[in-house]
Amino acid sequence: MDAVRVALLREVLAGTEWPAATRHFAGVMRACAVRRGGGLLLVGTREYEPWHLAAHLVDEAAWSGLPELEPTLVRHRVRSGDPVHLAVGLGRLEAAGRGETLLVVAPELPGSDLLERVHDARRAGATVLALDGGEPEVHGLAHEALTVPAAEPEGPAAEIGIDMVQHLVSAAAGENSVPVRRGRLRFRDRLSRLADQLTEPPPTRW
């Protein structure tokens, strides 16, 4: 997502918790990855693979001059013939340890195999961050977590999902300064125009 659309999305969400919450979470992720310098690992659940977030973080790492933000996408299913950057399996988590940052994206409860690996990575010294749907098992493993609850039937957060929150987090991770807040816009009108654009695959190698 380009900077203009990110700014527009933030305007749409003005008055909600999301602009500040995503900036805070992104700041923690950035600080952990840059300060510790051991690399950023990104993993989803068996049903939800955060490849879109991985692609945007690659872009943000290049634009911000912070290579530490470029993640290693850890996948549940790796097939023969996958390109190198898409061929890292769950075994990579067994090697995670001190100095590394592990970001878990889990809109639903992960399987026990992933939870056990994340627990082991934390015990080995990795910093664990989570974008999740509020599952206590995930929260209990994370040093820092940002919860994206199920969509409400009404209200300003009715259509905010984990995909949109990931866009805000990735954009904020590469920012060198906090942008100036502009006037509030009508939520429904702006969000409906953005919905299709946000789900388009980015023009990257992913």
Foldseek 3Di string as FASTA:
>chain_A
DDPVLLLLLVLLQPPHPQLVVLLVLLVVVLCLLQVLVPAEEEEEAQVDFVVLLLQLQCVLCVVLVNVSSNHQGEHCDADPPDPPSRHHYPVVLQVAAASYEYEYEYQDDHDPVNLVSLQNNVVRHYAYEYEYQDDVSNVVSHPYYDHDHQADCDDSRNPDDPLSSSVSNSVSNNDPDDDDRDHHDHNVVSCVVCVVVSPDRDPDPD
